[in-house]
C-alpha cells in the first residue's frame, strides 16, 4: 500500500468516525463511497479499481478491529459493575 493510499485510509476512518458520532447511525454504502471520494481528493489520489479495493479492505479491517476492541472493553466494564 502506497503512502497516498494510507492517507486515504486515515482520512476515511477519521471522517467516518466523525459522521457516526454526529449522526448516531451507521453510514450507508453511498455515504461510505462519498467519504472515499473526499478522502481521495484530500490525499491527491486518483484511485484505480485495485487501489480502491485495497483501501476499502483496509478500512473494513480497521473498523472490525475497533468494534472488537469496544466489545472487549464493554465486557470488561460489565464485570466491574
C-alpha atoms as a PDB file:
ATOM      1  CA  UNK A   1       0.000   0.000   0.000  1.00  0.00           C
ATOM      2  CA  UNK A   2       1.496   3.328  -1.060  1.00  0.00           C
ATOM      3  CA  UNK A   3       1.583   6.372   1.205  1.00  0.00           C
ATOM      4  CA  UNK A   4      -1.300   8.125  -0.589  1.00  0.00           C
ATOM      5  CA  UNK A   5      -3.482   5.044  -0.062  1.00  0.00           C
ATOM      6  CA  UNK A   6      -2.588   5.045   3.643  1.00  0.00           C
ATOM      7  CA  UNK A   7      -3.571   8.711   3.779  1.00  0.00           C
ATOM      8  CA  UNK A   8      -6.937   7.871   2.215  1.00  0.00           C
ATOM      9  CA  UNK A   9      -7.484   5.160   4.847  1.00  0.00           C
ATOM     10  CA  UNK A  10      -6.654   7.620   7.645  1.00  0.00           C
ATOM     11  CA  UNK A  11      -8.934  10.311   6.206  1.00  0.00           C
ATOM     12  CA  UNK A  12     -11.778   7.831   5.734  1.00  0.00           C
ATOM     13  CA  UNK A  13     -11.516   6.436   9.250  1.00  0.00           C
ATOM     14  CA  UNK A  14     -11.487   9.937  10.676  1.00  0.00           C
ATOM     15  CA  UNK A  15     -14.424  11.231   8.651  1.00  0.00           C
ATOM     16  CA  UNK A  16     -16.488   8.055   9.125  1.00  0.00           C
ATOM     17  CA  UNK A  17     -15.928   8.202  12.885  1.00  0.00           C
ATOM     18  CA  UNK A  18     -16.985  11.839  12.984  1.00  0.00           C
ATOM     19  CA  UNK A  19     -20.053  11.070  10.887  1.00  0.00           C
ATOM     20  CA  UNK A  20     -21.137   8.167  13.095  1.00  0.00           C
ATOM     21  CA  UNK A  21     -20.665  10.229  16.262  1.00  0.00           C
ATOM     22  CA  UNK A  22     -22.651  13.145  14.841  1.00  0.00           C
ATOM     23  CA  UNK A  23     -25.469  11.165  13.225  1.00  0.00           C
ATOM     24  CA  UNK A  24     -25.602   8.167  15.584  1.00  0.00           C
ATOM     25  CA  UNK A  25     -26.276   5.828  12.644  1.00  0.00           C
ATOM     26  CA  UNK A  26     -24.135   3.565  10.510  1.00  0.00           C
ATOM     27  CA  UNK A  27     -23.384   5.207   7.161  1.00  0.00           C
ATOM     28  CA  UNK A  28     -24.969   3.764   4.039  1.00  0.00           C
ATOM     29  CA  UNK A  29     -22.868   2.357   1.207  1.00  0.00           C
ATOM     30  CA  UNK A  30     -23.385   5.614  -0.684  1.00  0.00           C
ATOM     31  CA  UNK A  31     -22.145   7.646   2.272  1.00  0.00           C
ATOM     32  CA  UNK A  32     -19.072   5.431   2.630  1.00  0.00           C
ATOM     33  CA  UNK A  33     -18.278   5.971  -1.035  1.00  0.00           C
ATOM     34  CA  UNK A  34     -18.790   9.713  -0.579  1.00  0.00           C
ATOM     35  CA  UNK A  35     -16.216   9.641   2.251  1.00  0.00           C
ATOM     36  CA  UNK A  36     -13.939   7.597  -0.018  1.00  0.00           C
ATOM     37  CA  UNK A  37     -14.160  10.226  -2.748  1.00  0.00           C
ATOM     38  CA  UNK A  38     -13.463  13.061  -0.329  1.00  0.00           C
ATOM     39  CA  UNK A  39     -10.520  11.193   1.181  1.00  0.00           C
ATOM     40  CA  UNK A  40      -9.041  10.550  -2.275  1.00  0.00           C
ATOM     41  CA  UNK A  41      -9.347  14.261  -3.094  1.00  0.00           C
ATOM     42  CA  UNK A  42      -7.629  15.245   0.160  1.00  0.00           C
ATOM     43  CA  UNK A  43      -4.813  12.766  -0.432  1.00  0.00           C
ATOM     44  CA  UNK A  44      -4.473  13.724  -4.089  1.00  0.00           C
ATOM     45  CA  UNK A  45      -5.077  10.140  -5.193  1.00  0.00           C
ATOM     46  CA  UNK A  46      -6.880   9.056  -8.321  1.00  0.00           C
ATOM     47  CA  UNK A  47      -7.693   5.519  -7.254  1.00  0.00           C
ATOM     48  CA  UNK A  48      -7.642   2.615  -9.625  1.00  0.00           C
ATOM     49  CA  UNK A  49     -10.057  -0.237  -9.029  1.00  0.00           C
ATOM     50  CA  UNK A  50      -7.248  -2.238  -7.400  1.00  0.00           C
ATOM     51  CA  UNK A  51      -6.297   0.651  -5.113  1.00  0.00           C
ATOM     52  CA  UNK A  52      -9.934   1.210  -4.140  1.00  0.00           C
ATOM     53  CA  UNK A  53     -10.282  -2.451  -3.189  1.00  0.00           C
ATOM     54  CA  UNK A  54      -7.080  -2.333  -1.084  1.00  0.00           C
ATOM     55  CA  UNK A  55      -8.209   0.852   0.644  1.00  0.00           C
ATOM     56  CA  UNK A  56     -11.745  -0.333   1.372  1.00  0.00           C
ATOM     57  CA  UNK A  57     -10.492  -3.698   2.668  1.00  0.00           C
ATOM     58  CA  UNK A  58      -8.080  -1.903   4.988  1.00  0.00           C
ATOM     59  CA  UNK A  59     -10.810   0.443   6.242  1.00  0.00           C
ATOM     60  CA  UNK A  60     -13.055  -2.562   6.845  1.00  0.00           C
ATOM     61  CA  UNK A  61     -10.327  -4.384   8.811  1.00  0.00           C
ATOM     62  CA  UNK A  62      -9.657  -1.309  10.951  1.00  0.00           C
ATOM     63  CA  UNK A  63     -13.361  -0.856  11.692  1.00  0.00           C
ATOM     64  CA  UNK A  64     -13.709  -4.527  12.636  1.00  0.00           C
ATOM     65  CA  UNK A  65     -10.683  -4.272  14.954  1.00  0.00           C
ATOM     66  CA  UNK A  66     -12.184  -1.199  16.617  1.00  0.00           C
ATOM     67  CA  UNK A  67     -15.547  -2.930  17.074  1.00  0.00           C
ATOM     68  CA  UNK A  68     -13.833  -5.954  18.615  1.00  0.00           C
ATOM     69  CA  UNK A  69     -11.875  -3.728  20.981  1.00  0.00           C
ATOM     70  CA  UNK A  70     -15.012  -1.830  22.014  1.00  0.00           C
ATOM     71  CA  UNK A  71     -16.849  -5.105  22.631  1.00  0.00           C
ATOM     72  CA  UNK A  72     -13.902  -6.372  24.695  1.00  0.00           C
ATOM     73  CA  UNK A  73     -13.834  -3.167  26.737  1.00  0.00           C
ATOM     74  CA  UNK A  74     -17.622  -3.312  27.135  1.00  0.00           C
ATOM     75  CA  UNK A  75     -17.479  -6.837  28.539  1.00  0.00           C
ATOM     76  CA  UNK A  76     -14.796  -5.742  30.998  1.00  0.00           C
ATOM     77  CA  UNK A  77     -16.954  -2.839  32.145  1.00  0.00           C
ATOM     78  CA  UNK A  78     -19.862  -5.235  32.753  1.00  0.00           C
ATOM     79  CA  UNK A  79     -17.678  -7.286  35.093  1.00  0.00           C
ATOM     80  CA  UNK A  80     -16.635  -4.202  37.044  1.00  0.00           C
ATOM     81  CA  UNK A  81     -20.214  -3.215  37.780  1.00  0.00           C
END
